[in-house]
């Protein structure tokens, strides 16, 4: 994790736009500080972190609370140019998932947090399969809590 003071556990589920925004902020703060990802985000893509985290908050709100406004293929293909510039490998996906799970565990508990974990693992698996030709190795068990009533939008 980063060299800053650890964030406190939120003591709740990832069940509002504000909680999703906080998760995205924490997660991408860790990604931005990680050596493996720095080249992709800062050197190659020159990411505007404020805009990127706002877009990703919208994406995850759509995934968790309604129909996503971006198809899975769009999400996968949005990463292709980076992979074509600097090929991804299995270890990169494993590290992404490790940071993703650690961020969730450090902040949220509940059925929506577990749904986010399930979807995050699914997206990572699909992107890895499509771009590098093999699924990821990261093997943390995913606990899916069902049934869950999705909030009305």
C-alpha atoms as a PDB file:
ATOM      1  CA  UNK A   1       0.000   0.000   0.000  1.00  0.00           C
ATOM      2  CA  UNK A   2       0.990   3.628  -0.190  1.00  0.00           C
ATOM      3  CA  UNK A   3       3.278   5.372   2.259  1.00  0.00           C
ATOM      4  CA  UNK A   4       0.405   7.510   3.559  1.00  0.00           C
ATOM      5  CA  UNK A   5      -1.670   6.791   6.645  1.00  0.00           C
ATOM      6  CA  UNK A   6      -3.932   3.802   5.976  1.00  0.00           C
ATOM      7  CA  UNK A   7      -7.546   4.546   5.178  1.00  0.00           C
ATOM      8  CA  UNK A   8     -10.097   3.519   7.766  1.00  0.00           C
ATOM      9  CA  UNK A   9     -12.518   0.690   7.107  1.00  0.00           C
ATOM     10  CA  UNK A  10     -15.825   2.250   6.098  1.00  0.00           C
ATOM     11  CA  UNK A  11     -17.805  -0.239   8.173  1.00  0.00           C
ATOM     12  CA  UNK A  12     -20.437  -0.625   5.489  1.00  0.00           C
ATOM     13  CA  UNK A  13     -21.213  -2.016   2.080  1.00  0.00           C
ATOM     14  CA  UNK A  14     -20.216  -0.479  -1.244  1.00  0.00           C
ATOM     15  CA  UNK A  15     -23.833   0.523  -1.749  1.00  0.00           C
ATOM     16  CA  UNK A  16     -23.922   4.196  -2.787  1.00  0.00           C
ATOM     17  CA  UNK A  17     -22.305   6.299  -5.466  1.00  0.00           C
ATOM     18  CA  UNK A  18     -20.242   8.001  -2.753  1.00  0.00           C
ATOM     19  CA  UNK A  19     -18.898   4.677  -1.488  1.00  0.00           C
ATOM     20  CA  UNK A  20     -18.070   3.566  -5.036  1.00  0.00           C
ATOM     21  CA  UNK A  21     -16.268   6.875  -5.639  1.00  0.00           C
ATOM     22  CA  UNK A  22     -14.234   6.355  -2.460  1.00  0.00           C
ATOM     23  CA  UNK A  23     -13.358   2.801  -3.505  1.00  0.00           C
ATOM     24  CA  UNK A  24     -12.248   3.989  -6.967  1.00  0.00           C
ATOM     25  CA  UNK A  25     -10.188   6.795  -5.401  1.00  0.00           C
ATOM     26  CA  UNK A  26      -8.421   4.414  -3.006  1.00  0.00           C
ATOM     27  CA  UNK A  27      -7.878   1.717  -5.605  1.00  0.00           C
ATOM     28  CA  UNK A  28      -6.403   3.976  -8.270  1.00  0.00           C
ATOM     29  CA  UNK A  29      -4.269   5.801  -5.711  1.00  0.00           C
ATOM     30  CA  UNK A  30      -2.585   2.436  -5.099  1.00  0.00           C
ATOM     31  CA  UNK A  31      -2.426   1.609  -8.804  1.00  0.00           C
ATOM     32  CA  UNK A  32      -0.855   4.998  -9.581  1.00  0.00           C
ATOM     33  CA  UNK A  33       1.880   4.386  -7.004  1.00  0.00           C
ATOM     34  CA  UNK A  34       2.677   0.877  -8.179  1.00  0.00           C
ATOM     35  CA  UNK A  35       5.781   0.436 -10.370  1.00  0.00           C
ATOM     36  CA  UNK A  36       4.101  -2.118 -12.638  1.00  0.00           C
ATOM     37  CA  UNK A  37       1.300   0.273 -13.575  1.00  0.00           C
ATOM     38  CA  UNK A  38       3.165   3.584 -13.615  1.00  0.00           C
ATOM     39  CA  UNK A  39       4.477   3.074 -17.145  1.00  0.00           C
ATOM     40  CA  UNK A  40       1.015   2.372 -18.547  1.00  0.00           C
ATOM     41  CA  UNK A  41      -0.845   5.179 -16.821  1.00  0.00           C
ATOM     42  CA  UNK A  42       1.712   7.965 -16.681  1.00  0.00           C
ATOM     43  CA  UNK A  43       4.316   7.324 -19.372  1.00  0.00           C
ATOM     44  CA  UNK A  44       2.189   5.805 -22.146  1.00  0.00           C
ATOM     45  CA  UNK A  45      -1.385   6.986 -21.546  1.00  0.00           C
ATOM     46  CA  UNK A  46      -0.631  10.265 -19.716  1.00  0.00           C
ATOM     47  CA  UNK A  47      -3.781   9.735 -17.666  1.00  0.00           C
ATOM     48  CA  UNK A  48      -5.644  12.692 -16.246  1.00  0.00           C
ATOM     49  CA  UNK A  49      -6.319  11.031 -12.884  1.00  0.00           C
ATOM     50  CA  UNK A  50      -9.226  13.266 -11.942  1.00  0.00           C
ATOM     51  CA  UNK A  51     -11.067  12.590 -15.193  1.00  0.00           C
ATOM     52  CA  UNK A  52     -10.154   8.892 -15.130  1.00  0.00           C
ATOM     53  CA  UNK A  53     -11.445   8.345 -11.601  1.00  0.00           C
ATOM     54  CA  UNK A  54     -14.693  10.161 -12.450  1.00  0.00           C
ATOM     55  CA  UNK A  55     -15.142   7.948 -15.536  1.00  0.00           C
ATOM     56  CA  UNK A  56     -14.366   4.820 -13.534  1.00  0.00           C
ATOM     57  CA  UNK A  57     -16.771   5.834 -10.800  1.00  0.00           C
ATOM     58  CA  UNK A  58     -19.505   6.151 -13.442  1.00  0.00           C
ATOM     59  CA  UNK A  59     -18.482   2.780 -14.882  1.00  0.00           C
ATOM     60  CA  UNK A  60     -18.616   0.962 -11.517  1.00  0.00           C
ATOM     61  CA  UNK A  61     -21.874   2.646 -10.494  1.00  0.00           C
ATOM     62  CA  UNK A  62     -23.338   1.372 -13.754  1.00  0.00           C
ATOM     63  CA  UNK A  63     -21.961  -2.126 -13.208  1.00  0.00           C
ATOM     64  CA  UNK A  64     -23.169  -2.368  -9.614  1.00  0.00           C
ATOM     65  CA  UNK A  65     -26.489  -0.503  -9.627  1.00  0.00           C
ATOM     66  CA  UNK A  66     -27.894  -0.648 -13.153  1.00  0.00           C
ATOM     67  CA  UNK A  67     -27.081  -1.795 -16.617  1.00  0.00           C
ATOM     68  CA  UNK A  68     -23.514  -0.883 -17.536  1.00  0.00           C
ATOM     69  CA  UNK A  69     -23.341   1.844 -20.157  1.00  0.00           C
ATOM     70  CA  UNK A  70     -20.304   0.150 -21.674  1.00  0.00           C
ATOM     71  CA  UNK A  71     -20.333  -3.369 -23.024  1.00  0.00           C
ATOM     72  CA  UNK A  72     -17.686  -5.795 -21.777  1.00  0.00           C
ATOM     73  CA  UNK A  73     -16.129  -5.793 -25.252  1.00  0.00           C
ATOM     74  CA  UNK A  74     -15.728  -2.009 -25.057  1.00  0.00           C
ATOM     75  CA  UNK A  75     -13.949  -2.321 -21.712  1.00  0.00           C
ATOM     76  CA  UNK A  76     -11.636  -4.996 -23.099  1.00  0.00           C
ATOM     77  CA  UNK A  77     -10.894  -3.139 -26.312  1.00  0.00           C
ATOM     78  CA  UNK A  78     -10.240   0.122 -24.443  1.00  0.00           C
ATOM     79  CA  UNK A  79      -7.100  -1.575 -23.087  1.00  0.00           C
ATOM     80  CA  UNK A  80      -5.871  -3.063 -26.369  1.00  0.00           C
ATOM     81  CA  UNK A  81      -3.809  -0.078 -27.485  1.00  0.00           C
ATOM     82  CA  UNK A  82      -1.883  -0.111 -24.193  1.00  0.00           C
ATOM     83  CA  UNK A  83      -1.219  -3.827 -24.555  1.00  0.00           C
ATOM     84  CA  UNK A  84      -0.125  -3.281 -28.167  1.00  0.00           C
ATOM     85  CA  UNK A  85       2.283  -0.563 -27.002  1.00  0.00           C
ATOM     86  CA  UNK A  86       3.674  -2.453 -23.989  1.00  0.00           C
ATOM     87  CA  UNK A  87       2.390  -6.043 -23.740  1.00  0.00           C
ATOM     88  CA  UNK A  88       0.561  -7.038 -20.572  1.00  0.00           C
ATOM     89  CA  UNK A  89       1.478 -10.267 -18.791  1.00  0.00           C
ATOM     90  CA  UNK A  90      -0.205 -12.558 -16.285  1.00  0.00           C
ATOM     91  CA  UNK A  91       1.699 -11.011 -13.382  1.00  0.00           C
ATOM     92  CA  UNK A  92       0.252  -7.575 -14.206  1.00  0.00           C
ATOM     93  CA  UNK A  93      -3.292  -8.936 -13.941  1.00  0.00           C
ATOM     94  CA  UNK A  94      -2.456 -10.818 -10.752  1.00  0.00           C
ATOM     95  CA  UNK A  95      -1.111  -7.616  -9.200  1.00  0.00           C
ATOM     96  CA  UNK A  96      -4.190  -5.646 -10.333  1.00  0.00           C
ATOM     97  CA  UNK A  97      -6.454  -8.191  -8.643  1.00  0.00           C
ATOM     98  CA  UNK A  98      -4.335  -8.234  -5.496  1.00  0.00           C
ATOM     99  CA  UNK A  99      -4.653  -4.445  -5.189  1.00  0.00           C
ATOM    100  CA  UNK A 100      -8.366  -4.615  -6.074  1.00  0.00           C
ATOM    101  CA  UNK A 101      -9.105  -7.214  -3.381  1.00  0.00           C
ATOM    102  CA  UNK A 102      -6.915  -5.537  -0.764  1.00  0.00           C
ATOM    103  CA  UNK A 103      -8.674  -2.222  -1.366  1.00  0.00           C
ATOM    104  CA  UNK A 104     -12.121  -3.820  -1.044  1.00  0.00           C
ATOM    105  CA  UNK A 105     -11.140  -5.740   2.089  1.00  0.00           C
ATOM    106  CA  UNK A 106      -9.682  -2.632   3.711  1.00  0.00           C
ATOM    107  CA  UNK A 107     -12.839  -0.604   3.238  1.00  0.00           C
ATOM    108  CA  UNK A 108     -16.059  -2.486   2.615  1.00  0.00           C
ATOM    109  CA  UNK A 109     -18.071  -5.586   3.487  1.00  0.00           C
ATOM    110  CA  UNK A 110     -21.382  -6.787   2.170  1.00  0.00           C
ATOM    111  CA  UNK A 111     -23.157  -8.155  -0.867  1.00  0.00           C
ATOM    112  CA  UNK A 112     -22.413  -5.212  -3.167  1.00  0.00           C
ATOM    113  CA  UNK A 113     -18.712  -5.296  -2.241  1.00  0.00           C
ATOM    114  CA  UNK A 114     -18.697  -9.007  -3.070  1.00  0.00           C
ATOM    115  CA  UNK A 115     -20.542  -8.328  -6.329  1.00  0.00           C
ATOM    116  CA  UNK A 116     -17.858  -5.741  -7.170  1.00  0.00           C
ATOM    117  CA  UNK A 117     -15.174  -8.322  -6.415  1.00  0.00           C
ATOM    118  CA  UNK A 118     -16.899 -10.873  -8.646  1.00  0.00           C
ATOM    119  CA  UNK A 119     -17.249  -8.378 -11.507  1.00  0.00           C
ATOM    120  CA  UNK A 120     -13.676  -7.096 -11.101  1.00  0.00           C
ATOM    121  CA  UNK A 121     -12.316 -10.631 -11.301  1.00  0.00           C
ATOM    122  CA  UNK A 122     -14.512 -11.300 -14.319  1.00  0.00           C
ATOM    123  CA  UNK A 123     -13.303  -8.220 -16.177  1.00  0.00           C
ATOM    124  CA  UNK A 124      -9.664  -9.024 -15.370  1.00  0.00           C
ATOM    125  CA  UNK A 125     -10.131 -12.611 -16.569  1.00  0.00           C
ATOM    126  CA  UNK A 126     -11.819 -11.499 -19.809  1.00  0.00           C
ATOM    127  CA  UNK A 127      -9.221  -8.824 -20.598  1.00  0.00           C
ATOM    128  CA  UNK A 128      -6.357 -11.237 -19.899  1.00  0.00           C
ATOM    129  CA  UNK A 129      -7.919 -13.985 -21.998  1.00  0.00           C
ATOM    130  CA  UNK A 130      -8.551 -11.661 -24.940  1.00  0.00           C
ATOM    131  CA  UNK A 131      -5.286  -9.721 -24.890  1.00  0.00           C
ATOM    132  CA  UNK A 132      -2.661 -12.175 -23.679  1.00  0.00           C
ATOM    133  CA  UNK A 133      -4.417 -15.378 -24.649  1.00  0.00           C
ATOM    134  CA  UNK A 134      -4.480 -16.960 -21.221  1.00  0.00           C
ATOM    135  CA  UNK A 135      -6.566 -16.489 -18.114  1.00  0.00           C
ATOM    136  CA  UNK A 136      -5.127 -15.067 -14.938  1.00  0.00           C
ATOM    137  CA  UNK A 137      -3.656 -17.252 -12.213  1.00  0.00           C
ATOM    138  CA  UNK A 138      -4.774 -15.253  -9.183  1.00  0.00           C
ATOM    139  CA  UNK A 139      -6.862 -17.672  -7.221  1.00  0.00           C
ATOM    140  CA  UNK A 140      -8.435 -15.948  -4.237  1.00  0.00           C
ATOM    141  CA  UNK A 141     -11.851 -17.484  -3.596  1.00  0.00           C
ATOM    142  CA  UNK A 142     -14.780 -15.201  -4.301  1.00  0.00           C
ATOM    143  CA  UNK A 143     -17.727 -15.353  -1.933  1.00  0.00           C
ATOM    144  CA  UNK A 144     -20.939 -14.344  -3.659  1.00  0.00           C
ATOM    145  CA  UNK A 145     -23.730 -13.373  -1.282  1.00  0.00           C
ATOM    146  CA  UNK A 146     -27.120 -13.877  -2.885  1.00  0.00           C
ATOM    147  CA  UNK A 147     -29.864 -12.954  -3.267  1.00  0.00           C
ATOM    148  CA  UNK A 148     -29.328  -9.231  -3.342  1.00  0.00           C
ATOM    149  CA  UNK A 149     -31.941  -6.655  -4.248  1.00  0.00           C
ATOM    150  CA  UNK A 150     -30.243  -4.058  -6.427  1.00  0.00           C
ATOM    151  CA  UNK A 151     -31.217  -0.524  -5.448  1.00  0.00           C
ATOM    152  CA  UNK A 152     -33.703   1.243  -7.703  1.00  0.00           C
ATOM    153  CA  UNK A 153     -32.072   3.930  -9.775  1.00  0.00           C
END
